[in-house]
Amino acid sequence: MTQQHLKPEQIAARAYQLYLERGRTHGHDFDDWLQAEYELMQLPVRKLAELEPPPVPQGKTRSRSIIELVQTAML
Protein backbone atom coordinates (compact mmCIF):
# COMPACT_ATOMS: atom_id res chain seq x y z
CA MET A 1 0.00 0.00 0.00
CA THR A 2 1.38 3.41 -0.88
CA GLN A 3 1.58 6.20 1.63
CA GLN A 4 -0.05 9.48 0.71
CA HIS A 5 2.40 12.37 0.62
CA LEU A 6 0.74 15.59 1.66
CA LYS A 7 2.01 18.93 0.46
CA PRO A 8 2.57 21.61 3.08
CA GLU A 9 0.27 23.88 1.07
CA GLN A 10 -2.60 21.39 1.44
CA ILE A 11 -2.09 21.16 5.19
CA ALA A 12 -1.76 24.93 5.54
CA ALA A 13 -5.00 25.53 3.62
CA ARG A 14 -6.97 23.14 5.84
CA ALA A 15 -5.31 24.51 9.00
CA TYR A 16 -6.41 27.99 7.94
CA GLN A 17 -9.98 26.73 7.47
CA LEU A 18 -9.90 25.33 11.01
CA TYR A 19 -8.62 28.69 12.28
CA LEU A 20 -11.51 30.47 10.57
CA GLU A 21 -14.07 27.93 11.81
CA ARG A 22 -12.90 28.55 15.38
CA GLY A 23 -13.54 32.27 14.99
CA ARG A 24 -9.94 33.33 14.31
CA THR A 25 -8.83 32.53 17.83
CA HIS A 26 -5.04 32.81 18.06
CA GLY A 27 -2.70 30.39 19.78
CA HIS A 28 -3.86 27.14 18.18
CA ASP A 29 -1.68 27.09 15.07
CA PHE A 30 0.13 23.87 15.99
CA ASP A 31 -3.14 22.15 16.94
CA ASP A 32 -4.71 23.29 13.67
CA TRP A 33 -1.73 22.00 11.68
CA LEU A 34 -1.86 18.56 13.31
CA GLN A 35 -5.64 18.34 12.94
CA ALA A 36 -5.43 19.33 9.27
CA GLU A 37 -2.70 16.78 8.62
CA TYR A 38 -4.73 14.05 10.32
CA GLU A 39 -7.92 14.88 8.41
CA LEU A 40 -6.16 14.92 5.06
CA MET A 41 -4.45 11.60 5.76
CA GLN A 42 -7.85 10.05 6.57
CA LEU A 43 -9.52 11.09 3.30
CA PRO A 44 -8.64 7.87 1.42
CA VAL A 45 -10.11 5.78 4.26
CA ARG A 46 -13.33 7.82 4.23
CA LYS A 47 -13.64 7.40 0.45
CA LEU A 48 -13.14 3.66 0.82
CA ALA A 49 -15.89 3.52 3.45
CA GLU A 50 -18.32 5.11 0.97
CA LEU A 51 -17.86 2.34 -1.62
CA GLU A 52 -20.13 -0.66 -2.02
CA PRO A 53 -18.59 -4.07 -1.29
CA PRO A 54 -17.88 -6.13 -4.41
CA PRO A 55 -20.35 -8.86 -5.35
CA VAL A 56 -19.50 -12.43 -4.36
CA PRO A 57 -18.76 -14.61 -7.40
CA GLN A 58 -20.94 -17.69 -7.79
CA GLY A 59 -19.49 -20.72 -6.08
CA LYS A 60 -17.35 -18.68 -3.68
CA THR A 61 -17.95 -18.40 0.04
CA ARG A 62 -18.68 -14.99 1.46
CA SER A 63 -15.78 -13.32 3.26
CA ARG A 64 -15.56 -9.74 4.44
CA SER A 65 -14.05 -7.33 1.96
CA ILE A 66 -11.67 -4.54 2.93
CA ILE A 67 -14.52 -2.12 2.25
CA GLU A 68 -16.74 -3.84 4.80
CA LEU A 69 -13.92 -3.88 7.35
CA VAL A 70 -13.32 -0.14 6.89
CA GLN A 71 -17.04 0.59 7.13
CA THR A 72 -17.24 -1.37 10.38
CA ALA A 73 -14.23 0.47 11.79
CA MET A 74 -15.77 3.85 10.91
CA LEU A 75 -18.91 3.18 12.99
PDB file of N, CA and C in Angstrom:
ATOM      1  N   MET A   1       0.853  -1.179   0.000  1.00  0.00           N
ATOM      2  CA  MET A   1       0.000   0.000   0.000  1.00  0.00           C
ATOM      3  C   MET A   1       0.899   1.242   0.000  1.00  0.00           C
ATOM      4  N   THR A   2       0.572   2.193  -0.812  1.00  0.00           N
ATOM      5  CA  THR A   2       1.377   3.406  -0.880  1.00  0.00           C
ATOM      6  C   THR A   2       0.933   4.408   0.168  1.00  0.00           C
ATOM      7  N   GLN A   3       1.890   5.177   0.642  1.00  0.00           N
ATOM      8  CA  GLN A   3       1.581   6.196   1.631  1.00  0.00           C
ATOM      9  C   GLN A   3       1.317   7.510   0.901  1.00  0.00           C
ATOM     10  N   GLN A   4       0.292   8.216   1.333  1.00  0.00           N
ATOM     11  CA  GLN A   4      -0.048   9.484   0.711  1.00  0.00           C
ATOM     12  C   GLN A   4       0.926  10.546   1.200  1.00  0.00           C
ATOM     13  N   HIS A   5       1.491  11.287   0.268  1.00  0.00           N
ATOM     14  CA  HIS A   5       2.403  12.372   0.619  1.00  0.00           C
ATOM     15  C   HIS A   5       1.648  13.682   0.506  1.00  0.00           C
ATOM     16  N   LEU A   6       1.468  14.331   1.631  1.00  0.00           N
ATOM     17  CA  LEU A   6       0.741  15.593   1.664  1.00  0.00           C
ATOM     18  C   LEU A   6       1.692  16.743   1.422  1.00  0.00           C
ATOM     19  N   LYS A   7       1.224  17.721   0.681  1.00  0.00           N
ATOM     20  CA  LYS A   7       2.007  18.927   0.459  1.00  0.00           C
ATOM     21  C   LYS A   7       1.744  19.906   1.594  1.00  0.00           C
ATOM     22  N   PRO A   8       2.765  20.620   2.020  1.00  0.00           N
ATOM     23  CA  PRO A   8       2.569  21.611   3.085  1.00  0.00           C
ATOM     24  C   PRO A   8       1.470  22.622   2.753  1.00  0.00           C
ATOM     25  N   GLU A   9       1.299  22.939   1.473  1.00  0.00           N
ATOM     26  CA  GLU A   9       0.268  23.883   1.066  1.00  0.00           C
ATOM     27  C   GLU A   9      -1.130  23.335   1.350  1.00  0.00           C
ATOM     28  N   GLN A  10      -1.316  22.016   1.168  1.00  0.00           N
ATOM     29  CA  GLN A  10      -2.605  21.388   1.445  1.00  0.00           C
ATOM     30  C   GLN A  10      -2.914  21.458   2.946  1.00  0.00           C
ATOM     31  N   ILE A  11      -1.908  21.142   3.734  1.00  0.00           N
ATOM     32  CA  ILE A  11      -2.094  21.160   5.187  1.00  0.00           C
ATOM     33  C   ILE A  11      -2.362  22.585   5.659  1.00  0.00           C
ATOM     34  N   ALA A  12      -1.597  23.530   5.142  1.00  0.00           N
ATOM     35  CA  ALA A  12      -1.763  24.928   5.544  1.00  0.00           C
ATOM     36  C   ALA A  12      -3.157  25.446   5.197  1.00  0.00           C
ATOM     37  N   ALA A  13      -3.671  25.069   4.029  1.00  0.00           N
ATOM     38  CA  ALA A  13      -5.001  25.525   3.619  1.00  0.00           C
ATOM     39  C   ALA A  13      -6.075  24.981   4.564  1.00  0.00           C
ATOM     40  N   ARG A  14      -5.978  23.711   4.921  1.00  0.00           N
ATOM     41  CA  ARG A  14      -6.970  23.138   5.844  1.00  0.00           C
ATOM     42  C   ARG A  14      -6.799  23.716   7.247  1.00  0.00           C
ATOM     43  N   ALA A  15      -5.560  23.914   7.684  1.00  0.00           N
ATOM     44  CA  ALA A  15      -5.308  24.508   9.002  1.00  0.00           C
ATOM     45  C   ALA A  15      -5.913  25.910   9.068  1.00  0.00           C
ATOM     46  N   TYR A  16      -5.823  26.654   7.978  1.00  0.00           N
ATOM     47  CA  TYR A  16      -6.411  27.994   7.939  1.00  0.00           C
ATOM     48  C   TYR A  16      -7.936  27.914   8.035  1.00  0.00           C
ATOM     49  N   GLN A  17      -8.525  26.923   7.365  1.00  0.00           N
ATOM     50  CA  GLN A  17      -9.980  26.729   7.470  1.00  0.00           C
ATOM     51  C   GLN A  17     -10.380  26.454   8.916  1.00  0.00           C
ATOM     52  N   LEU A  18      -9.615  25.632   9.596  1.00  0.00           N
ATOM     53  CA  LEU A  18      -9.903  25.327  11.006  1.00  0.00           C
ATOM     54  C   LEU A  18      -9.812  26.591  11.856  1.00  0.00           C
ATOM     55  N   TYR A  19      -8.799  27.411  11.578  1.00  0.00           N
ATOM     56  CA  TYR A  19      -8.622  28.688  12.284  1.00  0.00           C
ATOM     57  C   TYR A  19      -9.848  29.577  12.089  1.00  0.00           C
ATOM     58  N   LEU A  20     -10.333  29.659  10.856  1.00  0.00           N
ATOM     59  CA  LEU A  20     -11.509  30.473  10.570  1.00  0.00           C
ATOM     60  C   LEU A  20     -12.758  29.904  11.235  1.00  0.00           C
ATOM     61  N   GLU A  21     -12.907  28.578  11.203  1.00  0.00           N
ATOM     62  CA  GLU A  21     -14.069  27.934  11.809  1.00  0.00           C
ATOM     63  C   GLU A  21     -14.118  28.161  13.318  1.00  0.00           C
ATOM     64  N   ARG A  22     -12.972  28.327  13.944  1.00  0.00           N
ATOM     65  CA  ARG A  22     -12.903  28.551  15.378  1.00  0.00           C
ATOM     66  C   ARG A  22     -13.088  30.023  15.719  1.00  0.00           C
ATOM     67  N   GLY A  23     -13.316  30.853  14.742  1.00  0.00           N
ATOM     68  CA  GLY A  23     -13.542  32.267  14.990  1.00  0.00           C
ATOM     69  C   GLY A  23     -12.257  33.078  15.081  1.00  0.00           C
ATOM     70  N   ARG A  24     -11.233  32.628  14.374  1.00  0.00           N
ATOM     71  CA  ARG A  24      -9.944  33.332  14.309  1.00  0.00           C
ATOM     72  C   ARG A  24      -9.285  33.510  15.673  1.00  0.00           C
ATOM     73  N   THR A  25      -9.460  32.509  16.515  1.00  0.00           N
ATOM     74  CA  THR A  25      -8.829  32.530  17.834  1.00  0.00           C
ATOM     75  C   THR A  25      -7.356  32.174  17.679  1.00  0.00           C
ATOM     76  N   HIS A  26      -6.484  33.030  18.183  1.00  0.00           N
ATOM     77  CA  HIS A  26      -5.040  32.808  18.060  1.00  0.00           C
ATOM     78  C   HIS A  26      -4.537  31.812  19.100  1.00  0.00           C
ATOM     79  N   GLY A  27      -3.357  31.275  18.831  1.00  0.00           N
ATOM     80  CA  GLY A  27      -2.699  30.393  19.783  1.00  0.00           C
ATOM     81  C   GLY A  27      -2.937  28.917  19.565  1.00  0.00           C
ATOM     82  N   HIS A  28      -3.567  28.552  18.453  1.00  0.00           N
ATOM     83  CA  HIS A  28      -3.859  27.142  18.182  1.00  0.00           C
ATOM     84  C   HIS A  28      -3.250  26.693  16.855  1.00  0.00           C
ATOM     85  N   ASP A  29      -2.237  27.389  16.389  1.00  0.00           N
ATOM     86  CA  ASP A  29      -1.685  27.088  15.075  1.00  0.00           C
ATOM     87  C   ASP A  29      -1.122  25.666  14.989  1.00  0.00           C
ATOM     88  N   PHE A  30      -0.423  25.220  16.006  1.00  0.00           N
ATOM     89  CA  PHE A  30       0.134  23.869  15.989  1.00  0.00           C
ATOM     90  C   PHE A  30      -0.985  22.823  16.021  1.00  0.00           C
ATOM     91  N   ASP A  31      -1.990  23.055  16.879  1.00  0.00           N
ATOM     92  CA  ASP A  31      -3.139  22.146  16.939  1.00  0.00           C
ATOM     93  C   ASP A  31      -3.859  22.082  15.599  1.00  0.00           C
ATOM     94  N   ASP A  32      -4.045  23.240  14.972  1.00  0.00           N
ATOM     95  CA  ASP A  32      -4.715  23.289  13.668  1.00  0.00           C
ATOM     96  C   ASP A  32      -3.914  22.523  12.617  1.00  0.00           C
ATOM     97  N   TRP A  33      -2.599  22.678  12.645  1.00  0.00           N
ATOM     98  CA  TRP A  33      -1.731  21.996  11.676  1.00  0.00           C
ATOM     99  C   TRP A  33      -1.856  20.479  11.834  1.00  0.00           C
ATOM    100  N   LEU A  34      -1.766  20.006  13.065  1.00  0.00           N
ATOM    101  CA  LEU A  34      -1.858  18.561  13.307  1.00  0.00           C
ATOM    102  C   LEU A  34      -3.238  18.021  12.948  1.00  0.00           C
ATOM    103  N   GLN A  35      -4.280  18.766  13.278  1.00  0.00           N
ATOM    104  CA  GLN A  35      -5.643  18.340  12.938  1.00  0.00           C
ATOM    105  C   GLN A  35      -5.818  18.287  11.422  1.00  0.00           C
ATOM    106  N   ALA A  36      -5.327  19.295  10.733  1.00  0.00           N
ATOM    107  CA  ALA A  36      -5.427  19.333   9.269  1.00  0.00           C
ATOM    108  C   ALA A  36      -4.681  18.156   8.643  1.00  0.00           C
ATOM    109  N   GLU A  37      -3.501  17.890   9.134  1.00  0.00           N
ATOM    110  CA  GLU A  37      -2.703  16.778   8.619  1.00  0.00           C
ATOM    111  C   GLU A  37      -3.431  15.451   8.832  1.00  0.00           C
ATOM    112  N   TYR A  38      -3.990  15.267  10.013  1.00  0.00           N
ATOM    113  CA  TYR A  38      -4.731  14.047  10.321  1.00  0.00           C
ATOM    114  C   TYR A  38      -5.941  13.890   9.395  1.00  0.00           C
ATOM    115  N   GLU A  39      -6.721  14.948   9.250  1.00  0.00           N
ATOM    116  CA  GLU A  39      -7.917  14.884   8.408  1.00  0.00           C
ATOM    117  C   GLU A  39      -7.569  14.541   6.968  1.00  0.00           C
ATOM    118  N   LEU A  40      -6.538  15.163   6.449  1.00  0.00           N
ATOM    119  CA  LEU A  40      -6.160  14.919   5.060  1.00  0.00           C
ATOM    120  C   LEU A  40      -5.624  13.504   4.858  1.00  0.00           C
ATOM    121  N   MET A  41      -4.947  12.970   5.858  1.00  0.00           N
ATOM    122  CA  MET A  41      -4.449  11.597   5.755  1.00  0.00           C
ATOM    123  C   MET A  41      -5.590  10.593   5.805  1.00  0.00           C
ATOM    124  N   GLN A  42      -6.714  10.947   6.437  1.00  0.00           N
ATOM    125  CA  GLN A  42      -7.849  10.050   6.571  1.00  0.00           C
ATOM    126  C   GLN A  42      -8.772  10.063   5.365  1.00  0.00           C
ATOM    127  N   LEU A  43      -8.609  11.000   4.448  1.00  0.00           N
ATOM    128  CA  LEU A  43      -9.515  11.094   3.299  1.00  0.00           C
ATOM    129  C   LEU A  43      -9.613   9.800   2.497  1.00  0.00           C
ATOM    130  N   PRO A  44      -8.491   9.119   2.180  1.00  0.00           N
ATOM    131  CA  PRO A  44      -8.641   7.867   1.415  1.00  0.00           C
ATOM    132  C   PRO A  44      -9.463   6.815   2.155  1.00  0.00           C
ATOM    133  N   VAL A  45      -9.347   6.748   3.472  1.00  0.00           N
ATOM    134  CA  VAL A  45     -10.112   5.782   4.258  1.00  0.00           C
ATOM    135  C   VAL A  45     -11.596   6.129   4.201  1.00  0.00           C
ATOM    136  N   ARG A  46     -11.919   7.406   4.300  1.00  0.00           N
ATOM    137  CA  ARG A  46     -13.330   7.820   4.227  1.00  0.00           C
ATOM    138  C   ARG A  46     -13.927   7.496   2.865  1.00  0.00           C
ATOM    139  N   LYS A  47     -13.154   7.714   1.798  1.00  0.00           N
ATOM    140  CA  LYS A  47     -13.641   7.404   0.448  1.00  0.00           C
ATOM    141  C   LYS A  47     -13.874   5.904   0.301  1.00  0.00           C
ATOM    142  N   LEU A  48     -12.995   5.107   0.874  1.00  0.00           N
ATOM    143  CA  LEU A  48     -13.144   3.660   0.818  1.00  0.00           C
ATOM    144  C   LEU A  48     -14.404   3.226   1.547  1.00  0.00           C
ATOM    145  N   ALA A  49     -14.698   3.873   2.661  1.00  0.00           N
ATOM    146  CA  ALA A  49     -15.888   3.523   3.446  1.00  0.00           C
ATOM    147  C   ALA A  49     -17.181   3.840   2.697  1.00  0.00           C
ATOM    148  N   GLU A  50     -17.128   4.740   1.733  1.00  0.00           N
ATOM    149  CA  GLU A  50     -18.323   5.109   0.967  1.00  0.00           C
ATOM    150  C   GLU A  50     -18.624   4.134  -0.167  1.00  0.00           C
ATOM    151  N   LEU A  51     -17.685   3.275  -0.505  1.00  0.00           N
ATOM    152  CA  LEU A  51     -17.859   2.342  -1.615  1.00  0.00           C
ATOM    153  C   LEU A  51     -18.761   1.182  -1.227  1.00  0.00           C
ATOM    154  N   GLU A  52     -19.328   0.542  -2.229  1.00  0.00           N
ATOM    155  CA  GLU A  52     -20.127  -0.658  -2.020  1.00  0.00           C
ATOM    156  C   GLU A  52     -19.191  -1.866  -2.085  1.00  0.00           C
ATOM    157  N   PRO A  53     -19.410  -2.853  -1.220  1.00  0.00           N
ATOM    158  CA  PRO A  53     -18.589  -4.071  -1.288  1.00  0.00           C
ATOM    159  C   PRO A  53     -18.783  -4.768  -2.635  1.00  0.00           C
ATOM    160  N   PRO A  54     -17.755  -5.433  -3.121  1.00  0.00           N
ATOM    161  CA  PRO A  54     -17.882  -6.125  -4.408  1.00  0.00           C
ATOM    162  C   PRO A  54     -18.814  -7.325  -4.294  1.00  0.00           C
ATOM    163  N   PRO A  55     -19.460  -7.697  -5.398  1.00  0.00           N
ATOM    164  CA  PRO A  55     -20.346  -8.863  -5.354  1.00  0.00           C
ATOM    165  C   PRO A  55     -19.526 -10.144  -5.166  1.00  0.00           C
ATOM    166  N   VAL A  56     -20.154 -11.144  -4.574  1.00  0.00           N
ATOM    167  CA  VAL A  56     -19.497 -12.430  -4.365  1.00  0.00           C
ATOM    168  C   VAL A  56     -19.694 -13.281  -5.608  1.00  0.00           C
ATOM    169  N   PRO A  57     -18.602 -13.744  -6.225  1.00  0.00           N
ATOM    170  CA  PRO A  57     -18.758 -14.609  -7.404  1.00  0.00           C
ATOM    171  C   PRO A  57     -19.473 -15.908  -7.046  1.00  0.00           C
ATOM    172  N   GLN A  58     -20.215 -16.437  -8.011  1.00  0.00           N
ATOM    173  CA  GLN A  58     -20.939 -17.689  -7.785  1.00  0.00           C
ATOM    174  C   GLN A  58     -19.962 -18.795  -7.451  1.00  0.00           C
ATOM    175  N   GLY A  59     -20.323 -19.592  -6.471  1.00  0.00           N
ATOM    176  CA  GLY A  59     -19.487 -20.716  -6.084  1.00  0.00           C
ATOM    177  C   GLY A  59     -18.441 -20.370  -5.032  1.00  0.00           C
ATOM    178  N   LYS A  60     -18.317 -19.110  -4.695  1.00  0.00           N
ATOM    179  CA  LYS A  60     -17.346 -18.683  -3.681  1.00  0.00           C
ATOM    180  C   LYS A  60     -18.065 -18.464  -2.360  1.00  0.00           C
ATOM    181  N   THR A  61     -17.358 -18.682  -1.273  1.00  0.00           N
ATOM    182  CA  THR A  61     -17.947 -18.400   0.037  1.00  0.00           C
ATOM    183  C   THR A  61     -17.760 -16.923   0.343  1.00  0.00           C
ATOM    184  N   ARG A  62     -18.686 -16.424   1.115  1.00  0.00           N
ATOM    185  CA  ARG A  62     -18.683 -14.990   1.463  1.00  0.00           C
ATOM    186  C   ARG A  62     -17.629 -14.729   2.531  1.00  0.00           C
ATOM    187  N   SER A  63     -16.724 -13.804   2.247  1.00  0.00           N
ATOM    188  CA  SER A  63     -15.778 -13.318   3.255  1.00  0.00           C
ATOM    189  C   SER A  63     -15.865 -11.800   3.254  1.00  0.00           C
ATOM    190  N   ARG A  64     -15.442 -11.198   4.325  1.00  0.00           N
ATOM    191  CA  ARG A  64     -15.561  -9.744   4.443  1.00  0.00           C
ATOM    192  C   ARG A  64     -14.520  -9.064   3.561  1.00  0.00           C
ATOM    193  N   SER A  65     -14.961  -8.094   2.804  1.00  0.00           N
ATOM    194  CA  SER A  65     -14.050  -7.334   1.958  1.00  0.00           C
ATOM    195  C   SER A  65     -13.392  -6.231   2.785  1.00  0.00           C
ATOM    196  N   ILE A  66     -12.336  -5.657   2.251  1.00  0.00           N
ATOM    197  CA  ILE A  66     -11.671  -4.540   2.933  1.00  0.00           C
ATOM    198  C   ILE A  66     -12.635  -3.375   3.098  1.00  0.00           C
ATOM    199  N   ILE A  67     -13.531  -3.201   2.162  1.00  0.00           N
ATOM    200  CA  ILE A  67     -14.518  -2.123   2.249  1.00  0.00           C
ATOM    201  C   ILE A  67     -15.426  -2.332   3.456  1.00  0.00           C
ATOM    202  N   GLU A  68     -15.887  -3.558   3.652  1.00  0.00           N
ATOM    203  CA  GLU A  68     -16.739  -3.842   4.802  1.00  0.00           C
ATOM    204  C   GLU A  68     -15.984  -3.671   6.120  1.00  0.00           C
ATOM    205  N   LEU A  69     -14.719  -4.043   6.143  1.00  0.00           N
ATOM    206  CA  LEU A  69     -13.917  -3.880   7.346  1.00  0.00           C
ATOM    207  C   LEU A  69     -13.731  -2.397   7.683  1.00  0.00           C
ATOM    208  N   VAL A  70     -13.477  -1.577   6.664  1.00  0.00           N
ATOM    209  CA  VAL A  70     -13.317  -0.138   6.894  1.00  0.00           C
ATOM    210  C   VAL A  70     -14.636   0.471   7.358  1.00  0.00           C
ATOM    211  N   GLN A  71     -15.732   0.060   6.730  1.00  0.00           N
ATOM    212  CA  GLN A  71     -17.038   0.590   7.134  1.00  0.00           C
ATOM    213  C   GLN A  71     -17.349   0.247   8.580  1.00  0.00           C
ATOM    214  N   THR A  72     -17.022  -0.961   8.995  1.00  0.00           N
ATOM    215  CA  THR A  72     -17.235  -1.369  10.385  1.00  0.00           C
ATOM    216  C   THR A  72     -16.375  -0.541  11.324  1.00  0.00           C
ATOM    217  N   ALA A  73     -15.148  -0.308  10.950  1.00  0.00           N
ATOM    218  CA  ALA A  73     -14.226   0.471  11.789  1.00  0.00           C
ATOM    219  C   ALA A  73     -14.660   1.927  11.908  1.00  0.00           C
ATOM    220  N   MET A  74     -15.355   2.441  10.901  1.00  0.00           N
ATOM    221  CA  MET A  74     -15.766   3.850  10.907  1.00  0.00           C
ATOM    222  C   MET A  74     -17.008   4.077  11.749  1.00  0.00           C
ATOM    223  N   LEU A  75     -17.689   3.016  12.186  1.00  0.00           N
ATOM    224  CA  LEU A  75     -18.909   3.185  12.990  1.00  0.00           C
ATOM    225  C   LEU A  75     -18.618   3.701  14.364  1.00  0.00           C
TER     226      LEU A  75
END
